[in-house]
N, C-alpha and C. Protein backbone atom coordinates (compact mmCIF):
# COMPACT_ATOMS: atom_id res chain seq x y z
N UNK A 1 11.39 -4.00 15.26
CA UNK A 1 10.98 -2.84 16.27
C UNK A 1 10.03 -1.67 14.91
N UNK A 2 9.01 -1.97 15.79
CA UNK A 2 7.97 -0.72 14.39
C UNK A 2 8.22 0.28 14.64
N UNK A 3 8.23 0.97 13.77
CA UNK A 3 8.09 2.81 13.63
C UNK A 3 7.57 3.34 14.53
N UNK A 4 7.49 4.34 14.29
CA UNK A 4 6.32 5.47 15.47
C UNK A 4 6.01 6.66 14.05
N UNK A 5 5.01 7.01 14.26
CA UNK A 5 4.51 8.42 13.51
C UNK A 5 3.55 9.35 13.97
N UNK A 6 4.04 10.18 13.82
CA UNK A 6 3.14 11.32 14.02
C UNK A 6 2.28 11.79 12.65
N UNK A 7 0.96 11.80 13.23
CA UNK A 7 -0.27 12.15 11.55
C UNK A 7 -0.77 13.34 12.16
N UNK A 8 -1.07 14.38 11.42
CA UNK A 8 -1.15 15.49 11.66
C UNK A 8 -2.18 16.63 10.53
N UNK A 9 -3.70 16.42 10.72
CA UNK A 9 -4.02 17.63 9.69
C UNK A 9 -4.28 19.02 10.53
N UNK A 10 -3.76 19.96 9.45
CA UNK A 10 -3.32 21.42 10.14
C UNK A 10 -3.91 22.26 9.04
N UNK A 11 -4.44 23.39 10.04
CA UNK A 11 -5.03 24.41 9.53
C UNK A 11 -4.13 25.96 10.02
N UNK A 12 -3.66 26.84 8.94
CA UNK A 12 -2.58 27.39 9.51
C UNK A 12 -3.62 28.73 9.17
N UNK A 13 -3.35 29.82 10.18
CA UNK A 13 -4.42 30.89 10.17
C UNK A 13 -3.15 32.12 9.72
N UNK A 14 -1.93 31.39 10.11
CA UNK A 14 -0.91 32.92 10.03
C UNK A 14 0.20 32.34 9.36
N UNK A 15 0.52 32.13 8.17
CA UNK A 15 1.74 31.14 7.61
C UNK A 15 2.69 32.22 8.29
N UNK A 16 3.35 33.37 8.19
CA UNK A 16 3.99 34.20 8.77
C UNK A 16 4.73 33.57 9.89
N UNK A 17 3.60 33.22 11.08
CA UNK A 17 3.95 33.72 12.14
C UNK A 17 4.05 31.90 12.48
N UNK A 18 3.21 31.32 11.70
CA UNK A 18 3.83 29.74 11.47
C UNK A 18 5.08 29.46 11.52
N UNK A 19 6.02 30.02 10.62
CA UNK A 19 7.71 29.94 10.26
C UNK A 19 8.53 29.98 11.77
N UNK A 20 7.83 30.34 12.41
CA UNK A 20 8.26 30.46 14.24
C UNK A 20 8.47 29.29 14.35
N UNK A 21 7.14 28.28 14.56
CA UNK A 21 6.97 26.76 14.98
C UNK A 21 7.85 26.27 14.24
N UNK A 22 8.15 26.51 12.59
CA UNK A 22 8.48 25.44 11.80
C UNK A 22 10.33 25.35 11.93
N UNK A 23 10.50 26.34 12.43
CA UNK A 23 12.05 27.04 12.94
C UNK A 23 12.60 25.92 14.21
N UNK A 24 11.67 25.89 15.74
CA UNK A 24 11.92 25.38 16.63
C UNK A 24 11.42 24.41 16.43
N UNK A 25 10.99 23.74 15.46
CA UNK A 25 10.71 22.22 15.89
C UNK A 25 11.76 21.35 14.98
N UNK A 26 12.33 21.95 14.50
CA UNK A 26 13.88 21.37 13.57
C UNK A 26 14.72 20.57 14.96
N UNK A 27 14.88 21.31 15.87
CA UNK A 27 15.93 20.70 16.40
C UNK A 27 15.37 19.77 17.55
N UNK A 28 14.51 19.87 18.28
CA UNK A 28 13.97 18.60 18.59
C UNK A 28 13.32 17.11 17.53
N UNK A 29 12.84 17.14 16.04
CA UNK A 29 12.51 16.41 15.19
C UNK A 29 13.96 15.68 14.96
N UNK A 30 15.17 16.69 15.07
CA UNK A 30 16.40 15.80 14.39
C UNK A 30 17.04 15.17 15.41
N UNK A 31 16.83 15.56 17.00
CA UNK A 31 17.24 15.10 17.51
C UNK A 31 16.97 13.80 18.11
N UNK A 32 15.21 13.73 18.11
CA UNK A 32 14.85 12.24 17.71
C UNK A 32 14.60 11.14 16.25
N UNK A 33 15.33 11.75 15.52
CA UNK A 33 15.39 10.97 14.14
C UNK A 33 14.28 10.84 13.32
N UNK A 34 13.76 12.02 13.29
CA UNK A 34 12.24 12.15 12.36
C UNK A 34 12.41 12.49 11.15
N UNK A 35 11.75 11.59 10.35
CA UNK A 35 11.84 12.22 8.81
C UNK A 35 10.42 12.25 8.34
N UNK A 36 10.07 13.53 7.46
CA UNK A 36 8.96 13.56 7.41
C UNK A 36 8.44 12.64 6.02
N UNK A 37 7.45 12.32 5.83
CA UNK A 37 7.29 11.45 5.08
C UNK A 37 5.89 11.85 4.04
N UNK A 38 5.26 13.05 4.82
CA UNK A 38 4.09 13.77 4.08
C UNK A 38 4.28 15.38 4.72
N UNK A 39 4.38 16.22 4.02
CA UNK A 39 4.44 17.60 4.60
C UNK A 39 3.63 18.32 3.45
N UNK A 40 2.22 18.38 3.74
CA UNK A 40 1.18 19.13 2.87
C UNK A 40 1.59 18.59 1.62
N UNK A 41 1.44 19.05 0.04
CA UNK A 41 1.19 18.39 -1.02
C UNK A 41 -0.10 18.36 -1.04
N UNK A 42 -0.33 17.67 -2.14
CA UNK A 42 -1.60 17.76 -3.31
C UNK A 42 -2.12 16.36 -2.19
N UNK A 43 -3.67 16.43 -2.41
CA UNK A 43 -4.48 15.24 -1.53
C UNK A 43 -5.85 15.42 -2.10
N UNK A 44 -6.74 14.36 -2.39
CA UNK A 44 -7.98 14.36 -2.17
C UNK A 44 -8.57 13.88 -0.81
N UNK A 45 -10.06 14.03 -0.84
CA UNK A 45 -10.39 14.12 0.71
C UNK A 45 -12.02 13.19 0.07
N UNK A 46 -11.64 11.90 -0.23
CA UNK A 46 -12.81 11.04 -0.68
C UNK A 46 -13.88 10.64 0.39
N UNK A 47 -13.30 10.95 1.83
CA UNK A 47 -14.58 10.56 2.56
C UNK A 47 -13.99 11.70 4.04
N UNK A 48 -15.47 11.81 4.73
CA UNK A 48 -15.19 12.20 5.97
C UNK A 48 -14.71 14.02 5.87
N UNK A 49 -13.66 14.30 7.15
CA UNK A 49 -13.57 16.16 6.54
C UNK A 49 -12.12 16.10 6.42
N UNK A 50 -11.56 17.54 6.49
CA UNK A 50 -10.10 17.53 6.02
C UNK A 50 -9.62 18.78 6.88
N UNK A 51 -8.68 19.20 6.64
CA UNK A 51 -8.08 20.38 6.76
C UNK A 51 -7.17 20.97 5.71
N UNK A 52 -6.60 21.81 5.89
CA UNK A 52 -5.59 22.10 4.66
C UNK A 52 -4.45 21.75 4.50
N UNK A 53 -3.93 21.06 5.17
CA UNK A 53 -2.30 20.30 5.31
C UNK A 53 -2.15 19.35 5.91
N UNK A 54 -1.81 18.13 5.02
CA UNK A 54 -1.39 16.95 6.27
C UNK A 54 -0.01 16.41 5.86
N UNK A 55 0.06 15.97 7.43
CA UNK A 55 1.65 15.61 7.77
C UNK A 55 1.96 14.27 8.34
N UNK A 56 2.76 13.49 7.75
CA UNK A 56 3.51 12.31 8.27
C UNK A 56 4.88 12.58 8.50
N UNK A 57 4.91 12.31 10.01
CA UNK A 57 6.07 12.26 10.41
C UNK A 57 6.55 11.11 11.18
N UNK A 58 8.08 10.49 10.48
CA UNK A 58 7.99 9.02 10.88
C UNK A 58 9.57 9.09 11.94
N UNK A 59 9.36 8.39 12.83
CA UNK A 59 10.02 8.11 13.97
C UNK A 59 10.65 6.74 14.03
N UNK A 60 12.00 6.58 14.42
CA UNK A 60 13.12 5.36 14.32
C UNK A 60 11.67 4.25 15.50
N UNK A 61 11.06 4.79 15.85
CA UNK A 61 10.15 3.95 17.33
C UNK A 61 9.39 4.90 17.79
N UNK A 62 8.01 3.47 18.30
CA UNK A 62 6.87 4.39 18.51
C UNK A 62 7.51 5.31 19.74
N UNK A 63 8.46 4.46 20.67
CA UNK A 63 8.95 5.32 21.80
C UNK A 63 9.38 6.59 21.40
N UNK A 64 10.29 6.56 20.26
CA UNK A 64 10.81 8.07 19.70
C UNK A 64 10.15 9.22 19.63
N UNK A 65 8.94 8.71 19.02
CA UNK A 65 7.86 9.51 18.59
C UNK A 65 6.69 10.40 19.51
N UNK A 66 6.54 9.07 20.92
CA UNK A 66 6.01 9.97 22.21
C UNK A 66 7.44 10.23 22.53
N UNK A 67 8.35 10.37 23.10
CA UNK A 67 9.61 10.88 23.54
C UNK A 67 9.49 12.58 22.95
N UNK A 68 9.51 12.44 21.69
CA UNK A 68 9.68 13.66 20.99
C UNK A 68 8.47 14.65 21.75
N UNK A 69 7.14 14.22 21.61
CA UNK A 69 6.36 14.91 21.52
C UNK A 69 6.22 15.58 22.88
N UNK A 70 6.94 14.56 23.90
CA UNK A 70 6.98 15.26 25.48
C UNK A 70 7.90 15.99 25.50
N UNK A 71 8.78 16.52 24.92
CA UNK A 71 10.03 16.67 25.17
C UNK A 71 9.85 18.04 25.18
N UNK A 72 10.95 19.01 26.19
CA UNK A 72 11.07 20.46 26.34
C UNK A 72 10.84 21.13 25.12
N UNK A 73 11.25 20.94 24.38
CA UNK A 73 11.83 21.87 23.36
C UNK A 73 10.65 21.61 22.77
N UNK A 74 10.29 20.60 22.24
CA UNK A 74 9.01 20.53 21.28
C UNK A 74 7.74 21.12 21.58
N UNK A 75 7.55 20.85 23.16
CA UNK A 75 6.53 21.65 23.71
C UNK A 75 6.39 23.01 23.74
N UNK A 76 7.98 23.63 23.80
CA UNK A 76 8.05 25.00 23.46
C UNK A 76 7.89 25.34 22.41
N UNK A 77 7.78 24.72 21.30
CA UNK A 77 7.42 25.13 19.82
C UNK A 77 6.15 24.32 19.53
N UNK A 78 5.34 23.93 20.02
CA UNK A 78 4.01 23.55 20.12
C UNK A 78 3.56 24.84 20.47
N UNK A 79 3.85 25.81 21.60
CA UNK A 79 2.94 27.11 22.31
C UNK A 79 3.49 28.02 21.10
N UNK A 80 4.70 27.82 19.90
CA UNK A 80 4.40 28.98 18.54
C UNK A 80 3.56 28.64 18.17
N UNK A 81 3.02 27.42 17.97
CA UNK A 81 1.79 27.00 16.93
C UNK A 81 0.65 27.39 17.30
N UNK A 82 0.14 27.27 18.83
CA UNK A 82 -1.09 26.84 19.34
C UNK A 82 -1.90 28.06 18.60
N UNK A 83 -1.34 29.69 19.03
CA UNK A 83 -2.05 30.55 18.44
C UNK A 83 -2.55 31.00 16.96
N UNK A 84 -1.61 30.38 15.91
CA UNK A 84 -1.94 30.44 14.74
C UNK A 84 -1.89 29.51 13.99
N UNK A 85 -2.68 28.68 14.51
CA UNK A 85 -3.19 27.34 13.78
C UNK A 85 -3.96 26.03 14.46
N UNK A 86 -4.26 25.34 13.81
CA UNK A 86 -5.65 24.28 14.08
C UNK A 86 -5.14 22.94 14.10
N UNK A 87 -4.49 21.74 14.83
CA UNK A 87 -4.30 20.48 14.75
C UNK A 87 -5.37 19.38 15.09
N UNK A 88 -5.34 18.68 14.32
CA UNK A 88 -6.11 17.36 14.93
C UNK A 88 -4.16 16.20 14.69
N UNK A 89 -4.05 15.48 15.60
CA UNK A 89 -3.12 14.61 15.69
C UNK A 89 -2.92 13.61 16.54
N UNK A 90 -2.35 12.43 15.78
CA UNK A 90 -2.51 10.86 16.38
C UNK A 90 -0.59 10.79 16.22
N UNK A 91 -0.22 10.18 17.23
CA UNK A 91 0.54 9.10 17.30
C UNK A 91 0.89 8.32 17.62
N UNK A 92 0.95 7.01 16.12
CA UNK A 92 0.51 6.01 15.96
C UNK A 92 2.10 4.92 15.88
N UNK A 93 1.94 3.74 16.31
CA UNK A 93 2.47 2.39 16.12
C UNK A 93 2.61 2.30 14.89
N UNK A 94 3.69 1.86 13.93
CA UNK A 94 3.65 1.50 12.65
C UNK A 94 3.48 -0.03 12.97
N UNK A 95 3.14 -0.42 11.52
CA UNK A 95 3.04 -1.93 11.16
C UNK A 95 3.54 -3.07 10.88
N UNK A 96 4.59 -4.16 11.33
CA UNK A 96 5.47 -4.78 10.39
C UNK A 96 5.07 -6.24 10.00
N UNK A 97 3.53 -6.52 10.20
CA UNK A 97 3.28 -7.69 9.69
C UNK A 97 2.80 -7.82 7.99
N UNK A 98 2.55 -8.94 7.76
CA UNK A 98 2.03 -9.40 6.64
C UNK A 98 1.23 -8.28 6.10
N UNK A 99 1.49 -8.51 4.57
CA UNK A 99 1.11 -7.10 3.72
C UNK A 99 0.20 -7.87 2.79
N UNK A 100 -0.96 -7.08 2.22
CA UNK A 100 -1.46 -8.09 0.96
C UNK A 100 -0.54 -8.09 -0.60
N UNK A 101 -1.23 -9.35 -0.87
CA UNK A 101 -0.24 -9.92 -1.53
C UNK A 101 -0.57 -11.03 -2.52
């Protein structure tokens, strides 16, 4: 079964207030088996637009990624994030097929 991913680009307007969102999202992310693959860090933007932070969260399945997003407790965390950040996010199914080689 292919894994699921949240891919988010984030601008944080109030870092202190954003900490409440980070604290609130820990329980639902843990419950749905999430693992941070990318959490800010250095980046280059060779093409297109960007935001100040990039985040990739891996889930055991695409369905788990969707279920986490739709969960009541994650949506409560989102309400803490909305006033203090701007986010572009996609939820995408991973790829298990042939690789270049």
